[in-house]
């Protein structure tokens, strides 16, 4: 039996952002249709460890079944070392026999598919004439989200802010050549989000990095960081003011600090979650309902997204004879 191995560079070469946005749209629709079996992720955090380990299995039925597991570690300290905070593997299995089909770099898959899901949400929820993009953060996800956002809207400018002004400037200088619109480093998150149409928060912060009074009516927010119950990027007032969309309700109410901390403050409840993205894509729920409505997509990342991406990568690598194929 041959097993496909895809490293970081192979994943990036085979999975374009545009392709991944389409794959993620289909995966979220399948989830909303009940074609996905997916338990909540299991999280292991040894008390003396510098990070945590998450285990994320999923099975997709339907016309193209897929079975897989992502084992992902989250080490926040990696950012200071110039490394992705997410590390691990995605395992793709044969859905009929359980045999191992592929081993893929989870950091690369996570980077692309997370931003691609935000691309799906932004395409669905942001105003069609959105022209000003704000990104809070300068790490791996900030980079991927700049690419994803530019796939679904035509921006006139992007403002980027970081806890380090030097990092914001370096981010803008490095990436400017890839985009036709100006990327402007600014000194604060407040300045970045002023009159922004689309806002991305992609940080390792434990306390809110944006506040309601900074946000213009009609903005769309992709809240990407804060993937555990005890930390958040979004303040309670913004959560209460926004129409909140999630990738999956069960995950949000159990794992999302942005939701849970606002809930504990008494400013929101379960009814504040308007819909899952897949439900809105299906037409079972509405998306944006007015020009002045603030919409917010709380991204947690789901195993179905990893498995769908891995299945797509496997088929493409098989067709192109790409990657390394080894006897196992």
Protein backbone atom coordinates (compact mmCIF):
# COMPACT_ATOMS: atom_id res chain seq x y z
CA UNK A 1 0.00 0.00 0.00
CA UNK A 2 1.32 3.43 -0.98
CA UNK A 3 0.88 6.37 1.37
CA UNK A 4 1.10 9.98 0.22
CA UNK A 5 3.25 12.37 2.24
CA UNK A 6 2.82 16.11 1.70
CA UNK A 7 5.08 18.57 3.47
CA UNK A 8 4.52 22.26 3.98
CA UNK A 9 5.67 23.34 0.52
CA UNK A 10 3.74 20.61 -1.30
CA UNK A 11 0.50 21.57 0.47
CA UNK A 12 1.02 25.22 -0.42
CA UNK A 13 1.75 24.36 -4.07
CA UNK A 14 -1.25 22.07 -4.48
CA UNK A 15 -3.90 23.99 -2.52
CA UNK A 16 -4.50 27.50 -3.80
CA UNK A 17 -6.60 29.86 -1.72
CA UNK A 18 -9.22 30.12 -4.46
CA UNK A 19 -9.53 26.33 -4.68
CA UNK A 20 -9.67 25.97 -0.91
CA UNK A 21 -12.46 28.53 -0.57
CA UNK A 22 -14.59 26.40 -2.90
CA UNK A 23 -13.70 23.21 -0.98
CA UNK A 24 -14.55 24.84 2.37
CA UNK A 25 -17.88 26.12 1.05
CA UNK A 26 -18.83 22.56 0.08
CA UNK A 27 -17.64 21.20 3.44
CA UNK A 28 -19.73 23.69 5.44
CA UNK A 29 -22.78 22.95 3.31
CA UNK A 30 -22.28 19.22 3.90
CA UNK A 31 -22.07 19.89 7.65
CA UNK A 32 -25.35 21.83 7.57
CA UNK A 33 -27.01 19.01 5.62
CA UNK A 34 -26.11 16.47 8.29
CA UNK A 35 -23.59 14.65 6.08
CA UNK A 36 -20.76 14.99 8.61
CA UNK A 37 -20.05 13.06 11.79
CA UNK A 38 -17.77 15.07 14.02
CA UNK A 39 -17.35 14.98 17.80
CA UNK A 40 -15.99 17.97 19.66
CA UNK A 41 -12.22 18.12 19.54
CA UNK A 42 -10.35 16.49 22.42
CA UNK A 43 -7.82 18.81 24.05
CA UNK A 44 -4.89 17.59 26.11
CA UNK A 45 -2.97 20.19 28.11
CA UNK A 46 -0.36 18.84 30.49
CA UNK A 47 0.05 21.31 33.37
CA UNK A 48 3.78 21.85 32.76
CA UNK A 49 3.63 21.92 28.94
CA UNK A 50 4.17 25.07 26.90
CA UNK A 51 1.19 24.26 24.69
CA UNK A 52 -1.71 21.91 24.11
CA UNK A 53 -2.62 19.05 21.79
CA UNK A 54 -5.95 18.82 20.00
CA UNK A 55 -7.36 15.67 18.35
CA UNK A 56 -9.92 16.37 15.63
CA UNK A 57 -11.56 13.42 13.80
CA UNK A 58 -14.29 13.67 11.17
CA UNK A 59 -16.20 11.54 8.67
CA UNK A 60 -17.89 12.98 5.60
CA UNK A 61 -20.56 10.88 3.89
CA UNK A 62 -22.35 11.73 0.65
CA UNK A 63 -21.05 11.39 -2.90
CA UNK A 64 -17.38 11.62 -1.95
CA UNK A 65 -16.89 10.09 1.52
CA UNK A 66 -13.77 10.94 3.50
CA UNK A 67 -12.38 9.93 6.86
CA UNK A 68 -9.55 11.58 8.72
CA UNK A 69 -7.98 13.00 11.84
CA UNK A 70 -5.95 16.10 12.59
CA UNK A 71 -3.54 15.98 15.52
CA UNK A 72 -2.65 19.61 16.10
CA UNK A 73 -0.55 21.26 18.77
CA UNK A 74 -0.94 24.92 19.72
CA UNK A 75 2.18 26.53 21.17
CA UNK A 76 1.64 30.32 21.50
CA UNK A 77 5.31 30.88 22.26
CA UNK A 78 6.21 29.82 18.73
CA UNK A 79 5.23 33.25 17.40
CA UNK A 80 8.21 34.84 19.15
CA UNK A 81 10.45 32.22 17.54
CA UNK A 82 9.21 32.96 14.04
CA UNK A 83 7.32 29.66 13.90
CA UNK A 84 3.66 28.88 13.32
CA UNK A 85 1.87 28.35 16.63
CA UNK A 86 0.03 25.41 15.02
CA UNK A 87 2.04 22.22 14.41
CA UNK A 88 0.99 18.66 13.65
CA UNK A 89 -0.32 16.26 11.03
CA UNK A 90 -3.51 15.55 9.11
CA UNK A 91 -4.11 11.85 8.53
CA UNK A 92 -6.41 10.80 5.68
CA UNK A 93 -7.84 7.26 5.86
CA UNK A 94 -9.70 5.10 3.38
CA UNK A 95 -13.39 5.52 4.34
CA UNK A 96 -14.16 1.90 3.45
CA UNK A 97 -11.18 0.06 4.96
CA UNK A 98 -9.62 2.52 7.38
CA UNK A 99 -6.23 2.13 5.71
CA UNK A 100 -3.91 5.11 5.86
CA UNK A 101 -3.96 7.11 2.61
CA UNK A 102 -1.96 10.23 3.41
CA UNK A 103 0.05 12.16 5.98
CA UNK A 104 0.01 15.94 5.51
CA UNK A 105 1.59 18.92 7.22
CA UNK A 106 -1.12 20.26 9.52
CA UNK A 107 0.44 23.71 9.86
CA UNK A 108 0.11 24.33 6.12
CA UNK A 109 -3.39 22.83 5.88
CA UNK A 110 -4.58 24.83 8.90
CA UNK A 111 -3.13 28.07 7.59
CA UNK A 112 -4.88 27.82 4.23
CA UNK A 113 -8.20 26.28 5.23
CA UNK A 114 -8.77 28.63 8.19
CA UNK A 115 -8.38 31.68 5.99
CA UNK A 116 -10.43 30.03 3.26
CA UNK A 117 -13.34 29.52 5.68
CA UNK A 118 -13.14 33.20 6.59
CA UNK A 119 -13.19 33.87 2.85
CA UNK A 120 -16.43 31.91 2.57
CA UNK A 121 -17.91 33.86 5.49
CA UNK A 122 -16.75 37.21 4.12
CA UNK A 123 -18.11 36.47 0.66
CA UNK A 124 -21.46 35.62 2.28
CA UNK A 125 -21.67 38.40 4.85
CA UNK A 126 -19.56 41.43 3.94
CA UNK A 127 -21.11 44.23 1.94
CA UNK A 128 -20.52 43.83 -1.79
CA UNK A 129 -18.82 47.23 -2.00
CA UNK A 130 -16.44 46.62 0.92
CA UNK A 131 -13.22 48.49 0.15
CA UNK A 132 -11.28 48.95 3.39
CA UNK A 133 -9.71 45.92 5.07
CA UNK A 134 -8.21 45.91 8.58
CA UNK A 135 -6.03 43.10 9.91
CA UNK A 136 -5.02 42.86 13.55
CA UNK A 137 -2.00 40.57 13.81
CA UNK A 138 1.00 39.83 11.63
CA UNK A 139 1.46 36.08 12.00
CA UNK A 140 0.72 33.12 9.74
CA UNK A 141 -3.04 33.59 9.85
CA UNK A 142 -2.80 37.32 9.16
CA UNK A 143 -0.84 36.54 6.00
CA UNK A 144 -3.26 33.85 4.85
CA UNK A 145 -6.26 36.05 5.58
CA UNK A 146 -4.88 38.91 3.51
CA UNK A 147 -4.80 36.51 0.57
CA UNK A 148 -8.25 35.04 1.31
CA UNK A 149 -9.92 38.42 1.75
CA UNK A 150 -8.51 39.62 -1.57
CA UNK A 151 -10.08 36.60 -3.29
CA UNK A 152 -13.63 37.58 -2.33
CA UNK A 153 -13.64 41.40 -2.32
CA UNK A 154 -11.92 44.18 -4.26
CA UNK A 155 -10.18 46.33 -1.66
CA UNK A 156 -8.83 49.82 -2.08
CA UNK A 157 -6.57 49.58 0.97
CA UNK A 158 -5.57 47.41 3.89
CA UNK A 159 -4.45 48.66 7.31
CA UNK A 160 -2.50 46.32 9.56
CA UNK A 161 -1.74 46.66 13.27
CA UNK A 162 0.32 44.60 15.68
CA UNK A 163 1.56 44.82 19.24
CA UNK A 164 4.91 45.52 17.56
CA UNK A 165 4.99 48.45 15.15
CA UNK A 166 8.14 46.98 13.62
CA UNK A 167 6.27 43.77 12.81
CA UNK A 168 3.43 45.72 11.21
CA UNK A 169 5.89 47.59 9.02
CA UNK A 170 7.75 44.41 8.09
CA UNK A 171 4.44 42.70 7.25
CA UNK A 172 3.45 45.54 4.92
CA UNK A 173 6.87 45.78 3.29
CA UNK A 174 7.10 42.04 2.65
CA UNK A 175 3.60 41.51 1.26
CA UNK A 176 2.96 44.72 -0.63
CA UNK A 177 4.44 43.37 -3.88
CA UNK A 178 1.77 40.66 -4.05
CA UNK A 179 -1.23 43.02 -3.89
CA UNK A 180 -2.42 45.92 -6.03
CA UNK A 181 -3.92 47.88 -3.11
CA UNK A 182 -1.77 49.64 -0.50
CA UNK A 183 -0.99 47.82 2.75
CA UNK A 184 -0.55 50.44 5.46
CA UNK A 185 1.05 49.70 8.85
CA UNK A 186 -0.64 51.68 11.62
CA UNK A 187 0.18 52.12 15.28
CA UNK A 188 -3.00 50.83 16.91
CA UNK A 189 -5.89 48.47 16.39
CA UNK A 190 -8.25 51.41 16.86
CA UNK A 191 -6.69 53.23 13.92
CA UNK A 192 -6.73 50.06 11.82
CA UNK A 193 -10.45 49.37 12.23
CA UNK A 194 -11.65 52.96 11.86
CA UNK A 195 -14.27 52.95 9.07
CA UNK A 196 -13.08 49.49 7.98
CA UNK A 197 -15.55 47.40 6.01
CA UNK A 198 -13.92 44.04 6.79
CA UNK A 199 -11.93 43.35 9.97
CA UNK A 200 -9.77 40.31 10.71
CA UNK A 201 -8.51 39.59 14.22
CA UNK A 202 -5.79 36.94 14.02
CA UNK A 203 -3.83 37.24 17.24
CA UNK A 204 -2.71 35.26 20.28
CA UNK A 205 -4.27 37.85 22.60
CA UNK A 206 -6.16 36.80 25.72
CA UNK A 207 -8.06 40.10 26.09
CA UNK A 208 -10.10 42.05 23.51
CA UNK A 209 -8.10 43.73 20.76
CA UNK A 210 -11.08 45.61 19.27
CA UNK A 211 -14.01 47.41 20.90
CA UNK A 212 -17.51 48.26 19.78
CA UNK A 213 -17.00 52.02 19.77
CA UNK A 214 -14.24 51.66 17.17
CA UNK A 215 -16.31 49.66 14.69
CA UNK A 216 -18.31 51.26 11.90
CA UNK A 217 -21.89 50.22 11.23
CA UNK A 218 -22.03 47.70 8.41
CA UNK A 219 -18.63 46.18 9.11
CA UNK A 220 -17.97 42.46 8.87
CA UNK A 221 -15.58 40.90 11.41
CA UNK A 222 -13.71 37.61 11.15
CA UNK A 223 -12.64 36.64 14.69
CA UNK A 224 -9.94 34.04 14.11
CA UNK A 225 -7.79 33.82 17.25
CA UNK A 226 -8.97 32.88 20.76
CA UNK A 227 -9.64 29.19 20.12
CA UNK A 228 -10.06 28.16 23.78
CA UNK A 229 -12.77 29.10 26.35
CA UNK A 230 -10.60 31.32 28.56
CA UNK A 231 -9.35 33.92 26.05
CA UNK A 232 -10.96 36.35 23.61
CA UNK A 233 -10.22 38.99 20.99
CA UNK A 234 -13.70 40.57 20.82
CA UNK A 235 -15.29 42.58 23.63
CA UNK A 236 -18.75 41.74 24.95
CA UNK A 237 -20.34 44.90 23.56
CA UNK A 238 -19.31 43.96 20.02
CA UNK A 239 -20.58 40.41 20.47
CA UNK A 240 -23.92 41.81 21.66
CA UNK A 241 -24.19 44.34 18.83
CA UNK A 242 -23.28 41.96 16.00
CA UNK A 243 -25.17 39.27 14.16
CA UNK A 244 -22.95 36.35 15.11
CA UNK A 245 -22.27 33.49 12.72
CA UNK A 246 -20.22 30.39 13.57
CA UNK A 247 -18.79 27.40 11.79
CA UNK A 248 -20.65 25.12 14.24
CA UNK A 249 -22.88 25.97 17.20
CA UNK A 250 -21.80 23.06 19.38
CA UNK A 251 -18.17 24.07 19.04
CA UNK A 252 -18.87 27.76 19.69
CA UNK A 253 -20.85 27.29 22.90
CA UNK A 254 -18.27 24.87 24.30
CA UNK A 255 -14.96 26.25 23.07
CA UNK A 256 -15.14 29.88 21.92
CA UNK A 257 -13.88 32.33 24.54
CA UNK A 258 -15.30 35.24 22.52
CA UNK A 259 -18.76 33.76 23.01
CA UNK A 260 -18.37 32.17 26.44
CA UNK A 261 -16.85 35.18 28.23
CA UNK A 262 -19.51 37.50 26.84
CA UNK A 263 -22.13 34.94 27.86
CA UNK A 264 -20.72 34.83 31.40
CA UNK A 265 -20.97 38.62 31.53
CA UNK A 266 -24.67 38.30 30.74
CA UNK A 267 -24.55 40.39 27.57
CA UNK A 268 -25.37 37.59 25.13
CA UNK A 269 -27.12 34.24 25.11
CA UNK A 270 -27.57 31.29 22.71
CA UNK A 271 -30.04 33.31 20.63
CA UNK A 272 -27.24 35.72 19.74
CA UNK A 273 -25.79 33.07 17.43
CA UNK A 274 -27.74 33.83 14.29
CA UNK A 275 -26.62 30.87 12.19
CA UNK A 276 -23.92 28.47 11.17
CA UNK A 277 -22.26 29.55 7.94
CA UNK A 278 -23.44 26.37 6.21
CA UNK A 279 -27.05 27.06 7.20
CA UNK A 280 -26.86 30.48 5.58
CA UNK A 281 -25.18 29.06 2.49
CA UNK A 282 -27.97 26.49 2.23
CA UNK A 283 -30.63 29.16 2.50
CA UNK A 284 -31.98 27.70 5.75
CA UNK A 285 -30.95 30.90 7.55
CA UNK A 286 -30.44 34.46 6.38
CA UNK A 287 -27.09 36.16 6.02
CA UNK A 288 -26.67 39.94 6.13
CA UNK A 289 -30.07 41.63 6.29
CA UNK A 290 -29.18 45.32 6.10
CA UNK A 291 -26.40 47.64 5.02
CA UNK A 292 -25.76 48.92 8.56
CA UNK A 293 -25.78 45.51 10.25
CA UNK A 294 -22.53 44.44 11.90
CA UNK A 295 -21.82 40.80 11.10
CA UNK A 296 -19.27 38.68 12.94
CA UNK A 297 -17.95 35.26 12.04
CA UNK A 298 -16.44 33.44 15.01
CA UNK A 299 -13.98 30.95 13.54
CA UNK A 300 -12.91 27.96 15.59
CA UNK A 301 -11.80 25.57 12.88
CA UNK A 302 -13.42 22.19 12.38
CA UNK A 303 -12.11 18.73 11.63
CA UNK A 304 -14.40 18.51 8.60
CA UNK A 305 -12.47 21.40 7.08
CA UNK A 306 -9.16 19.57 7.50
CA UNK A 307 -10.53 16.29 6.17
CA UNK A 308 -12.17 17.97 3.18
CA UNK A 309 -8.92 19.79 2.38
CA UNK A 310 -6.92 16.56 2.78
CA UNK A 311 -9.27 14.63 0.52
CA UNK A 312 -9.00 17.33 -2.15
CA UNK A 313 -5.20 17.38 -1.82
CA UNK A 314 -5.04 13.60 -2.11
CA UNK A 315 -7.05 13.53 -5.33
CA UNK A 316 -5.02 16.37 -6.84
CA UNK A 317 -1.67 14.85 -5.85
CA UNK A 318 -2.77 11.50 -7.27
CA UNK A 319 -3.75 13.13 -10.55
CA UNK A 320 -0.51 15.11 -10.84
CA UNK A 321 1.71 12.41 -9.29
CA UNK A 322 2.84 15.03 -6.79
CA UNK A 323 4.27 14.58 -3.30
CA UNK A 324 6.12 11.56 -1.98
CA UNK A 325 4.50 8.13 -2.21
CA UNK A 326 5.94 5.51 0.12
CA UNK A 327 5.20 1.89 0.93
CA UNK A 328 3.59 1.59 4.34
